[in-house]
N, C-alpha and C. Protein backbone atom coordinates (compact mmCIF):
# COMPACT_ATOMS: atom_id res chain seq x y z
N UNK A 1 14.89 -0.44 -10.13
CA UNK A 1 14.24 0.21 -9.02
C UNK A 1 12.88 -0.43 -8.79
N UNK A 2 12.52 -0.57 -7.52
CA UNK A 2 11.23 -1.13 -7.15
C UNK A 2 10.39 -0.01 -6.56
N UNK A 3 9.21 0.20 -7.13
CA UNK A 3 8.28 1.20 -6.61
C UNK A 3 7.39 0.53 -5.57
N UNK A 4 7.35 1.10 -4.38
CA UNK A 4 6.50 0.60 -3.30
C UNK A 4 5.50 1.70 -3.03
N UNK A 5 4.24 1.43 -3.33
CA UNK A 5 3.19 2.44 -3.28
C UNK A 5 2.18 2.09 -2.20
N UNK A 6 2.01 2.99 -1.26
CA UNK A 6 0.99 2.84 -0.23
C UNK A 6 -0.21 3.68 -0.60
N UNK A 7 -1.39 3.09 -0.61
CA UNK A 7 -2.59 3.83 -1.00
C UNK A 7 -3.24 4.49 0.21
N UNK A 8 -3.81 5.65 -0.06
CA UNK A 8 -4.51 6.40 0.98
C UNK A 8 -5.06 7.68 0.39
N UNK A 9 -5.52 8.54 1.26
CA UNK A 9 -6.03 9.85 0.86
C UNK A 9 -5.18 10.93 1.51
N UNK A 10 -4.85 11.99 0.74
CA UNK A 10 -4.03 13.06 1.31
C UNK A 10 -4.83 13.93 2.28
N UNK A 11 -4.14 14.78 2.96
CA UNK A 11 -4.62 15.77 3.94
C UNK A 11 -4.77 15.13 5.32
N UNK A 12 -4.66 15.97 6.31
CA UNK A 12 -4.75 15.52 7.70
C UNK A 12 -6.13 14.96 8.04
N UNK A 13 -7.13 15.34 7.27
CA UNK A 13 -8.50 14.86 7.52
C UNK A 13 -8.56 13.33 7.52
N UNK A 14 -7.74 12.68 6.71
CA UNK A 14 -7.80 11.23 6.55
C UNK A 14 -6.68 10.49 7.29
N UNK A 15 -5.80 11.22 7.93
CA UNK A 15 -4.67 10.60 8.64
C UNK A 15 -5.19 9.63 9.71
N UNK A 16 -4.66 8.42 9.69
CA UNK A 16 -5.02 7.42 10.69
C UNK A 16 -6.30 6.67 10.41
N UNK A 17 -6.96 6.93 9.27
CA UNK A 17 -8.19 6.22 8.95
C UNK A 17 -7.88 4.83 8.39
N UNK A 18 -8.88 4.00 8.35
CA UNK A 18 -8.72 2.63 7.84
C UNK A 18 -8.26 2.64 6.38
N UNK A 19 -8.77 3.58 5.61
CA UNK A 19 -8.43 3.65 4.18
C UNK A 19 -6.97 4.08 3.97
N UNK A 20 -6.31 4.59 5.01
CA UNK A 20 -4.95 5.10 4.87
C UNK A 20 -3.86 4.17 5.40
N UNK A 21 -4.17 2.89 5.56
CA UNK A 21 -3.13 1.98 6.05
C UNK A 21 -1.95 1.88 5.09
N UNK A 22 -2.19 2.11 3.80
CA UNK A 22 -1.07 2.12 2.85
C UNK A 22 -0.09 3.23 3.15
N UNK A 23 -0.61 4.41 3.45
CA UNK A 23 0.25 5.54 3.84
C UNK A 23 0.99 5.22 5.14
N UNK A 24 0.28 4.63 6.10
CA UNK A 24 0.90 4.27 7.38
C UNK A 24 2.05 3.29 7.17
N UNK A 25 1.85 2.33 6.26
CA UNK A 25 2.90 1.35 5.98
C UNK A 25 4.11 2.02 5.34
N UNK A 26 3.88 2.94 4.41
CA UNK A 26 5.00 3.66 3.78
C UNK A 26 5.76 4.45 4.84
N UNK A 27 5.04 5.09 5.75
CA UNK A 27 5.70 5.84 6.83
C UNK A 27 6.56 4.92 7.69
N UNK A 28 6.06 3.73 7.99
CA UNK A 28 6.81 2.76 8.80
C UNK A 28 8.07 2.30 8.06
N UNK A 29 7.92 1.97 6.78
CA UNK A 29 9.07 1.55 5.97
C UNK A 29 10.09 2.68 5.89
N UNK A 30 9.62 3.88 5.65
CA UNK A 30 10.51 5.05 5.57
C UNK A 30 11.29 5.23 6.87
N UNK A 31 10.60 5.09 8.01
CA UNK A 31 11.27 5.22 9.31
C UNK A 31 12.34 4.15 9.49
N UNK A 32 12.00 2.91 9.14
CA UNK A 32 12.94 1.80 9.33
C UNK A 32 14.20 1.94 8.49
N UNK A 33 14.06 2.51 7.29
CA UNK A 33 15.20 2.57 6.38
C UNK A 33 15.74 3.99 6.19
N UNK A 34 15.30 4.93 6.99
CA UNK A 34 15.80 6.29 6.92
C UNK A 34 15.56 6.97 5.57
N UNK A 35 14.38 6.74 5.02
CA UNK A 35 14.04 7.33 3.73
C UNK A 35 13.08 8.50 3.94
N UNK A 36 13.43 9.64 3.42
CA UNK A 36 12.59 10.84 3.52
C UNK A 36 11.57 10.82 2.39
N UNK A 37 10.30 10.76 2.76
CA UNK A 37 9.22 10.70 1.76
C UNK A 37 8.50 12.06 1.77
N UNK A 38 9.18 13.06 1.21
CA UNK A 38 8.59 14.41 1.24
C UNK A 38 8.70 15.15 -0.09
N UNK A 39 9.30 14.54 -1.09
CA UNK A 39 9.45 15.19 -2.39
C UNK A 39 8.18 14.94 -3.20
N UNK A 40 7.57 16.02 -3.70
CA UNK A 40 6.37 15.87 -4.51
C UNK A 40 6.78 15.65 -5.96
N UNK A 41 6.48 14.45 -6.47
CA UNK A 41 6.81 14.07 -7.84
C UNK A 41 5.85 12.96 -8.24
N UNK A 42 5.46 12.90 -9.49
CA UNK A 42 4.56 11.86 -9.98
C UNK A 42 3.21 11.89 -9.25
N UNK A 43 2.74 13.08 -8.92
CA UNK A 43 1.46 13.26 -8.21
C UNK A 43 1.47 12.50 -6.88
N UNK A 44 2.65 12.42 -6.25
CA UNK A 44 2.79 11.67 -5.00
C UNK A 44 3.89 12.28 -4.15
N UNK A 45 3.84 11.98 -2.86
CA UNK A 45 4.99 12.25 -2.01
C UNK A 45 5.91 11.06 -2.17
N UNK A 46 7.17 11.32 -2.51
CA UNK A 46 8.10 10.24 -2.86
C UNK A 46 9.38 10.34 -2.05
N UNK A 47 10.05 9.21 -1.96
CA UNK A 47 11.37 9.15 -1.36
C UNK A 47 12.13 7.96 -1.93
N UNK A 48 13.43 8.16 -2.15
CA UNK A 48 14.26 7.08 -2.68
C UNK A 48 15.20 6.57 -1.61
N UNK A 49 15.47 5.27 -1.67
CA UNK A 49 16.39 4.67 -0.72
C UNK A 49 16.79 3.28 -1.15
N UNK A 50 17.35 2.53 -0.20
CA UNK A 50 17.81 1.17 -0.46
C UNK A 50 17.18 0.24 0.59
N UNK A 51 16.60 -0.86 0.11
CA UNK A 51 16.10 -1.91 0.98
C UNK A 51 16.63 -3.23 0.42
N UNK A 52 17.28 -4.00 1.28
CA UNK A 52 17.80 -5.30 0.85
C UNK A 52 18.73 -5.21 -0.34
N UNK A 53 19.50 -4.14 -0.43
CA UNK A 53 20.45 -3.96 -1.52
C UNK A 53 19.83 -3.46 -2.81
N UNK A 54 18.53 -3.22 -2.84
CA UNK A 54 17.83 -2.75 -4.04
C UNK A 54 17.41 -1.29 -3.89
N UNK A 55 17.49 -0.54 -4.98
CA UNK A 55 16.97 0.82 -4.99
C UNK A 55 15.45 0.76 -4.95
N UNK A 56 14.85 1.59 -4.10
CA UNK A 56 13.39 1.63 -4.01
C UNK A 56 12.90 3.07 -4.11
N UNK A 57 11.68 3.18 -4.59
CA UNK A 57 10.97 4.45 -4.61
C UNK A 57 9.72 4.25 -3.77
N UNK A 58 9.64 4.94 -2.63
CA UNK A 58 8.45 4.89 -1.80
C UNK A 58 7.50 5.99 -2.27
N UNK A 59 6.22 5.66 -2.41
CA UNK A 59 5.25 6.62 -2.93
C UNK A 59 3.96 6.62 -2.10
N UNK A 60 3.46 7.84 -1.86
CA UNK A 60 2.15 8.05 -1.26
C UNK A 60 1.38 8.95 -2.22
N UNK A 61 0.60 8.36 -3.14
CA UNK A 61 -0.13 9.17 -4.12
C UNK A 61 -1.01 10.23 -3.45
N UNK A 62 -0.97 11.43 -4.01
CA UNK A 62 -1.75 12.55 -3.47
C UNK A 62 -2.98 12.84 -4.33
N UNK A 63 -3.40 11.87 -5.11
CA UNK A 63 -4.51 12.02 -6.06
C UNK A 63 -5.85 11.65 -5.45
N UNK A 64 -5.88 11.23 -4.22
CA UNK A 64 -7.02 10.60 -3.57
C UNK A 64 -7.14 9.17 -4.09
N UNK A 65 -7.66 8.32 -3.25
CA UNK A 65 -7.66 6.87 -3.47
C UNK A 65 -8.14 6.47 -4.87
N UNK A 66 -9.28 7.00 -5.29
CA UNK A 66 -9.89 6.53 -6.52
C UNK A 66 -9.11 6.87 -7.78
N UNK A 67 -8.10 7.72 -7.67
CA UNK A 67 -7.28 8.10 -8.82
C UNK A 67 -5.82 7.72 -8.63
N UNK A 68 -5.53 6.78 -7.77
CA UNK A 68 -4.15 6.36 -7.47
C UNK A 68 -3.39 5.92 -8.71
N UNK A 69 -4.08 5.37 -9.68
CA UNK A 69 -3.44 4.89 -10.90
C UNK A 69 -2.75 5.98 -11.68
N UNK A 70 -3.24 7.23 -11.59
CA UNK A 70 -2.60 8.34 -12.29
C UNK A 70 -1.16 8.52 -11.80
N UNK A 71 -0.99 8.45 -10.50
CA UNK A 71 0.33 8.61 -9.89
C UNK A 71 1.25 7.44 -10.27
N UNK A 72 0.72 6.22 -10.17
CA UNK A 72 1.52 5.04 -10.51
C UNK A 72 1.93 5.09 -11.98
N UNK A 73 1.01 5.45 -12.85
CA UNK A 73 1.31 5.53 -14.29
C UNK A 73 2.39 6.57 -14.58
N UNK A 74 2.30 7.71 -13.91
CA UNK A 74 3.30 8.77 -14.10
C UNK A 74 4.70 8.26 -13.72
N UNK A 75 4.79 7.55 -12.60
CA UNK A 75 6.08 7.00 -12.17
C UNK A 75 6.55 5.90 -13.13
N UNK A 76 5.61 5.06 -13.59
CA UNK A 76 5.97 4.00 -14.56
C UNK A 76 6.54 4.61 -15.84
N UNK A 77 5.92 5.66 -16.32
CA UNK A 77 6.39 6.31 -17.54
C UNK A 77 7.78 6.92 -17.35
N UNK A 78 8.00 7.51 -16.19
CA UNK A 78 9.27 8.19 -15.92
C UNK A 78 10.41 7.19 -15.72
N UNK A 79 10.19 6.17 -14.88
CA UNK A 79 11.25 5.23 -14.54
C UNK A 79 11.29 4.00 -15.45
N UNK A 80 10.29 3.83 -16.28
CA UNK A 80 10.22 2.69 -17.21
C UNK A 80 10.27 1.35 -16.49
N UNK A 81 9.63 1.26 -15.32
CA UNK A 81 9.64 -0.02 -14.63
C UNK A 81 8.50 -0.92 -15.10
N UNK A 82 8.73 -2.22 -14.94
CA UNK A 82 7.77 -3.25 -15.31
C UNK A 82 6.93 -3.54 -14.06
N UNK A 83 5.62 -3.27 -14.10
CA UNK A 83 4.81 -3.46 -12.89
C UNK A 83 4.83 -4.89 -12.35
N UNK A 84 4.95 -5.87 -13.21
CA UNK A 84 4.94 -7.26 -12.74
C UNK A 84 6.14 -7.56 -11.84
N UNK A 85 7.28 -6.95 -12.14
CA UNK A 85 8.50 -7.24 -11.39
C UNK A 85 8.91 -6.14 -10.42
N UNK A 86 8.47 -4.91 -10.67
CA UNK A 86 9.03 -3.78 -9.92
C UNK A 86 7.99 -2.88 -9.28
N UNK A 87 6.84 -3.43 -8.93
CA UNK A 87 5.79 -2.64 -8.29
C UNK A 87 5.17 -3.45 -7.15
N UNK A 88 5.06 -2.81 -6.00
CA UNK A 88 4.38 -3.40 -4.83
C UNK A 88 3.36 -2.36 -4.36
N UNK A 89 2.10 -2.77 -4.27
CA UNK A 89 1.04 -1.88 -3.81
C UNK A 89 0.57 -2.35 -2.44
N UNK A 90 0.43 -1.41 -1.50
CA UNK A 90 -0.02 -1.72 -0.14
C UNK A 90 -1.34 -0.98 0.07
N UNK A 91 -2.37 -1.73 0.48
CA UNK A 91 -3.68 -1.09 0.65
C UNK A 91 -4.56 -1.84 1.64
N UNK A 92 -5.67 -1.19 2.00
CA UNK A 92 -6.60 -1.72 2.99
C UNK A 92 -7.53 -2.77 2.41
N UNK A 93 -7.99 -3.68 3.27
CA UNK A 93 -8.93 -4.71 2.84
C UNK A 93 -9.94 -4.96 3.96
N UNK A 94 -11.22 -4.74 3.67
CA UNK A 94 -12.27 -4.93 4.68
C UNK A 94 -12.65 -6.39 4.87
N UNK A 95 -12.15 -7.27 4.01
CA UNK A 95 -12.50 -8.69 4.16
C UNK A 95 -11.51 -9.44 5.05
N UNK A 96 -10.51 -8.73 5.55
CA UNK A 96 -9.52 -9.35 6.44
C UNK A 96 -9.63 -8.74 7.84
N UNK A 97 -9.37 -9.54 8.84
CA UNK A 97 -9.36 -9.05 10.22
C UNK A 97 -8.30 -7.95 10.37
N UNK A 98 -8.52 -7.07 11.30
CA UNK A 98 -7.59 -5.95 11.53
C UNK A 98 -6.17 -6.47 11.72
N UNK A 99 -5.25 -5.91 10.93
CA UNK A 99 -3.83 -6.24 11.04
C UNK A 99 -3.38 -7.47 10.29
N UNK A 100 -4.31 -8.24 9.77
CA UNK A 100 -3.96 -9.46 9.02
C UNK A 100 -3.49 -9.09 7.62
N UNK A 101 -2.48 -9.79 7.11
CA UNK A 101 -1.96 -9.52 5.77
C UNK A 101 -2.36 -10.62 4.79
N UNK A 102 -2.51 -10.23 3.54
CA UNK A 102 -2.69 -11.18 2.45
C UNK A 102 -1.84 -10.66 1.30
N UNK A 103 -0.94 -11.48 0.82
CA UNK A 103 0.00 -11.08 -0.22
C UNK A 103 -0.28 -11.88 -1.48
N UNK A 104 -0.28 -11.18 -2.62
CA UNK A 104 -0.54 -11.80 -3.91
C UNK A 104 0.37 -11.19 -4.97
N UNK A 105 0.60 -11.94 -6.05
CA UNK A 105 1.43 -11.43 -7.15
C UNK A 105 0.59 -10.85 -8.27
N UNK A 106 -0.73 -11.08 -8.22
CA UNK A 106 -1.63 -10.54 -9.25
C UNK A 106 -3.06 -10.75 -8.77
N UNK A 107 -4.02 -10.20 -9.53
CA UNK A 107 -5.41 -10.43 -9.19
C UNK A 107 -6.29 -9.27 -9.61
N UNK A 108 -7.57 -9.43 -9.38
CA UNK A 108 -8.53 -8.39 -9.74
C UNK A 108 -8.52 -7.29 -8.67
N UNK A 109 -9.31 -6.27 -8.89
CA UNK A 109 -9.42 -5.17 -7.93
C UNK A 109 -10.22 -5.58 -6.70
N UNK A 110 -11.07 -6.58 -6.84
CA UNK A 110 -11.86 -7.03 -5.70
C UNK A 110 -12.74 -5.94 -5.12
N UNK A 111 -13.17 -5.00 -5.95
CA UNK A 111 -14.03 -3.92 -5.48
C UNK A 111 -13.30 -2.72 -4.91
N UNK A 112 -11.97 -2.77 -4.83
CA UNK A 112 -11.19 -1.65 -4.27
C UNK A 112 -10.92 -0.62 -5.37
N UNK A 113 -11.44 0.59 -5.20
CA UNK A 113 -11.34 1.60 -6.25
C UNK A 113 -9.91 2.06 -6.53
N UNK A 114 -9.05 2.07 -5.53
CA UNK A 114 -7.65 2.43 -5.76
C UNK A 114 -6.97 1.41 -6.67
N UNK A 115 -7.24 0.15 -6.44
CA UNK A 115 -6.67 -0.91 -7.27
C UNK A 115 -7.29 -0.88 -8.66
N UNK A 116 -8.59 -0.62 -8.76
CA UNK A 116 -9.23 -0.48 -10.07
C UNK A 116 -8.51 0.58 -10.89
N UNK A 117 -8.20 1.70 -10.26
CA UNK A 117 -7.51 2.80 -10.95
C UNK A 117 -6.12 2.39 -11.40
N UNK A 118 -5.39 1.67 -10.56
CA UNK A 118 -4.04 1.24 -10.92
C UNK A 118 -4.10 0.24 -12.08
N UNK A 119 -5.04 -0.69 -12.04
CA UNK A 119 -5.19 -1.65 -13.14
C UNK A 119 -5.51 -0.90 -14.44
N UNK A 120 -6.42 0.06 -14.37
CA UNK A 120 -6.81 0.82 -15.56
C UNK A 120 -5.64 1.61 -16.14
N UNK A 121 -4.85 2.24 -15.27
CA UNK A 121 -3.75 3.09 -15.75
C UNK A 121 -2.48 2.32 -16.11
N UNK A 122 -2.28 1.15 -15.48
CA UNK A 122 -1.07 0.38 -15.79
C UNK A 122 -1.34 -0.62 -16.92
N UNK A 123 -2.60 -0.95 -17.14
CA UNK A 123 -2.95 -1.90 -18.18
C UNK A 123 -2.74 -3.35 -17.80
N UNK A 124 -2.55 -3.61 -16.50
CA UNK A 124 -2.31 -4.99 -16.07
C UNK A 124 -2.82 -5.22 -14.65
N UNK A 125 -3.17 -6.48 -14.37
CA UNK A 125 -3.51 -6.92 -13.02
C UNK A 125 -2.31 -7.61 -12.38
N UNK A 126 -1.22 -7.71 -13.14
CA UNK A 126 -0.04 -8.43 -12.67
C UNK A 126 0.94 -7.48 -11.98
N UNK A 127 0.70 -7.25 -10.70
CA UNK A 127 1.63 -6.52 -9.84
C UNK A 127 1.45 -7.03 -8.42
N UNK A 128 2.53 -6.97 -7.66
CA UNK A 128 2.52 -7.48 -6.29
C UNK A 128 1.66 -6.56 -5.43
N UNK A 129 0.96 -7.18 -4.48
CA UNK A 129 0.13 -6.40 -3.59
C UNK A 129 0.13 -6.99 -2.19
N UNK A 130 0.10 -6.10 -1.24
CA UNK A 130 0.00 -6.49 0.16
C UNK A 130 -1.28 -5.84 0.68
N UNK A 131 -2.26 -6.69 0.96
CA UNK A 131 -3.53 -6.21 1.52
C UNK A 131 -3.43 -6.26 3.03
N UNK A 132 -3.85 -5.18 3.67
CA UNK A 132 -3.80 -5.08 5.12
C UNK A 132 -5.24 -5.04 5.64
N UNK A 133 -5.57 -5.99 6.49
CA UNK A 133 -6.92 -6.06 7.03
C UNK A 133 -7.26 -4.88 7.91
N UNK A 134 -8.45 -4.33 7.66
CA UNK A 134 -8.95 -3.23 8.50
C UNK A 134 -10.26 -3.62 9.18
N UNK A 135 -10.66 -4.88 9.01
CA UNK A 135 -11.87 -5.38 9.65
C UNK A 135 -13.11 -5.17 8.80
N UNK A 136 -14.09 -6.01 9.05
CA UNK A 136 -15.35 -5.95 8.32
C UNK A 136 -16.22 -4.83 8.88
N UNK A 137 -16.86 -4.11 7.97
CA UNK A 137 -17.70 -2.99 8.42
C UNK A 137 -18.93 -3.51 9.16
N UNK A 138 -19.39 -2.77 10.16
CA UNK A 138 -20.63 -3.16 10.85
C UNK A 138 -21.79 -3.19 9.86
N UNK A 139 -22.74 -4.05 10.08
CA UNK A 139 -23.84 -4.32 9.15
C UNK A 139 -24.58 -3.07 8.70
N UNK A 140 -24.95 -2.20 9.59
CA UNK A 140 -25.78 -1.05 9.22
C UNK A 140 -24.97 0.21 8.90
N UNK A 141 -23.66 0.08 8.83
CA UNK A 141 -22.81 1.24 8.57
C UNK A 141 -22.50 1.38 7.09
N UNK A 142 -22.44 2.62 6.61
CA UNK A 142 -22.06 2.90 5.23
C UNK A 142 -20.58 2.56 5.04
N UNK A 143 -20.24 1.93 3.90
CA UNK A 143 -18.86 1.52 3.64
C UNK A 143 -17.91 2.71 3.66
N UNK A 144 -18.26 3.80 3.00
CA UNK A 144 -17.39 4.98 2.96
C UNK A 144 -17.15 5.52 4.36
N UNK A 145 -18.19 5.60 5.17
CA UNK A 145 -18.03 6.08 6.55
C UNK A 145 -17.10 5.16 7.34
N UNK A 146 -17.20 3.86 7.09
CA UNK A 146 -16.36 2.90 7.80
C UNK A 146 -14.89 3.05 7.43
N UNK A 147 -14.58 3.00 6.13
CA UNK A 147 -13.16 3.04 5.72
C UNK A 147 -12.54 4.41 5.95
N UNK A 148 -13.36 5.45 5.99
CA UNK A 148 -12.83 6.79 6.25
C UNK A 148 -12.86 7.13 7.74
N UNK A 149 -13.23 6.14 8.55
CA UNK A 149 -13.23 6.31 10.00
C UNK A 149 -11.93 5.81 10.61
N UNK A 150 -11.74 6.17 11.87
CA UNK A 150 -10.53 5.79 12.59
C UNK A 150 -10.66 4.40 13.21
N UNK A 151 -9.53 3.82 13.52
CA UNK A 151 -9.51 2.54 14.22
C UNK A 151 -9.99 2.75 15.65
N UNK A 152 -10.63 1.73 16.19
CA UNK A 152 -11.05 1.77 17.58
C UNK A 152 -9.82 1.69 18.47
N UNK A 153 -9.88 2.24 19.69
CA UNK A 153 -8.73 2.14 20.59
C UNK A 153 -8.25 0.70 20.78
N UNK A 154 -9.18 -0.24 20.81
CA UNK A 154 -8.82 -1.66 20.99
C UNK A 154 -8.12 -2.25 19.76
N UNK A 155 -8.20 -1.57 18.61
CA UNK A 155 -7.58 -2.06 17.38
C UNK A 155 -6.21 -1.45 17.09
N UNK A 156 -5.88 -0.37 17.78
CA UNK A 156 -4.66 0.39 17.44
C UNK A 156 -3.39 -0.44 17.54
N UNK A 157 -3.23 -1.21 18.61
CA UNK A 157 -2.02 -2.02 18.76
C UNK A 157 -1.96 -3.09 17.67
N UNK A 158 -3.10 -3.68 17.35
CA UNK A 158 -3.16 -4.75 16.34
C UNK A 158 -2.78 -4.20 14.96
N UNK A 159 -3.30 -3.02 14.61
CA UNK A 159 -2.97 -2.46 13.30
C UNK A 159 -1.51 -2.02 13.25
N UNK A 160 -0.98 -1.53 14.35
CA UNK A 160 0.45 -1.17 14.38
C UNK A 160 1.32 -2.41 14.15
N UNK A 161 0.94 -3.53 14.75
CA UNK A 161 1.68 -4.77 14.54
C UNK A 161 1.55 -5.24 13.09
N UNK A 162 0.36 -5.09 12.51
CA UNK A 162 0.15 -5.44 11.12
C UNK A 162 1.01 -4.60 10.19
N UNK A 163 1.09 -3.32 10.48
CA UNK A 163 1.90 -2.42 9.64
C UNK A 163 3.38 -2.75 9.78
N UNK A 164 3.81 -3.13 10.98
CA UNK A 164 5.20 -3.57 11.15
C UNK A 164 5.46 -4.84 10.33
N UNK A 165 4.46 -5.71 10.25
CA UNK A 165 4.58 -6.92 9.43
C UNK A 165 4.69 -6.58 7.94
N UNK A 166 4.00 -5.52 7.51
CA UNK A 166 4.10 -5.09 6.11
C UNK A 166 5.54 -4.73 5.79
N UNK A 167 6.19 -3.99 6.67
CA UNK A 167 7.59 -3.61 6.44
C UNK A 167 8.47 -4.85 6.32
N UNK A 168 8.23 -5.84 7.17
CA UNK A 168 8.98 -7.09 7.09
C UNK A 168 8.68 -7.83 5.79
N UNK A 169 7.41 -7.86 5.39
CA UNK A 169 7.01 -8.55 4.15
C UNK A 169 7.67 -7.92 2.93
N UNK A 170 7.73 -6.59 2.91
CA UNK A 170 8.38 -5.89 1.80
C UNK A 170 9.85 -6.30 1.71
N UNK A 171 10.50 -6.36 2.84
CA UNK A 171 11.92 -6.77 2.86
C UNK A 171 12.08 -8.20 2.32
N UNK A 172 11.19 -9.11 2.74
CA UNK A 172 11.26 -10.50 2.25
C UNK A 172 11.03 -10.55 0.74
N UNK A 173 10.05 -9.79 0.24
CA UNK A 173 9.77 -9.78 -1.19
C UNK A 173 11.01 -9.30 -1.95
N UNK A 174 11.66 -8.26 -1.47
CA UNK A 174 12.82 -7.70 -2.16
C UNK A 174 14.03 -8.63 -2.05
N UNK A 175 14.31 -9.15 -0.86
CA UNK A 175 15.50 -9.97 -0.66
C UNK A 175 15.35 -11.40 -1.20
N UNK A 176 14.15 -11.93 -1.15
CA UNK A 176 13.92 -13.31 -1.62
C UNK A 176 12.98 -13.26 -2.81
N UNK A 177 11.69 -13.42 -2.55
CA UNK A 177 10.67 -13.29 -3.59
C UNK A 177 9.30 -13.25 -2.94
N UNK A 178 8.29 -13.06 -3.75
CA UNK A 178 6.94 -12.94 -3.21
C UNK A 178 6.45 -14.24 -2.60
N UNK A 179 6.88 -15.37 -3.14
CA UNK A 179 6.45 -16.66 -2.58
C UNK A 179 6.92 -16.83 -1.15
N UNK A 180 8.13 -16.39 -0.86
CA UNK A 180 8.65 -16.47 0.50
C UNK A 180 7.80 -15.63 1.45
N UNK A 181 7.41 -14.43 1.02
CA UNK A 181 6.57 -13.57 1.84
C UNK A 181 5.18 -14.18 2.02
N UNK A 182 4.65 -14.76 0.96
CA UNK A 182 3.33 -15.41 1.04
C UNK A 182 3.37 -16.58 2.02
N UNK A 183 4.46 -17.33 2.02
CA UNK A 183 4.59 -18.46 2.94
C UNK A 183 4.59 -18.01 4.40
N UNK A 184 5.14 -16.84 4.67
CA UNK A 184 5.19 -16.33 6.03
C UNK A 184 3.86 -15.71 6.46
N UNK A 185 3.23 -14.93 5.56
CA UNK A 185 2.09 -14.11 5.99
C UNK A 185 0.71 -14.56 5.54
N UNK A 186 0.59 -15.41 4.54
CA UNK A 186 -0.75 -15.83 4.10
C UNK A 186 -1.25 -17.00 4.91
């Protein structure tokens, strides 16, 4: 089984914010593959299905961003999956233009608290990740206010296209490998 985890913050207060692109991507993947992501398990909203002939677990941790690792660790303990081979994390990145993807098989947290939590709880930096660009914060704006803010009307179509690309990238990673997805999107 492959766990596909989209990072974000629970509650309607954060719906549609830059920090919640991981949740948006999980919703898009769920819609494309007819997977219901409504069962609360592993401190997350979860749904099981099939993508590219593989069993998948879609997860939207409900722990808030900075504690996402608790949810991932709980699922790892239950399903006994190897994060290097069976984990894909989808999250926001302020260093990329809106809608742009960057795919990696491992790496540091790069200042992202959700990823820091996952590294701390999983004990490894070796897991697949899809970073989704949300744009660079304006110079005088607080980072938290920026990532917890909504996309501008002019950015909505671009982020929707980016999220559609995430769903395609996940399929490529599952059906082929991460290098194939990196060749297409990096």
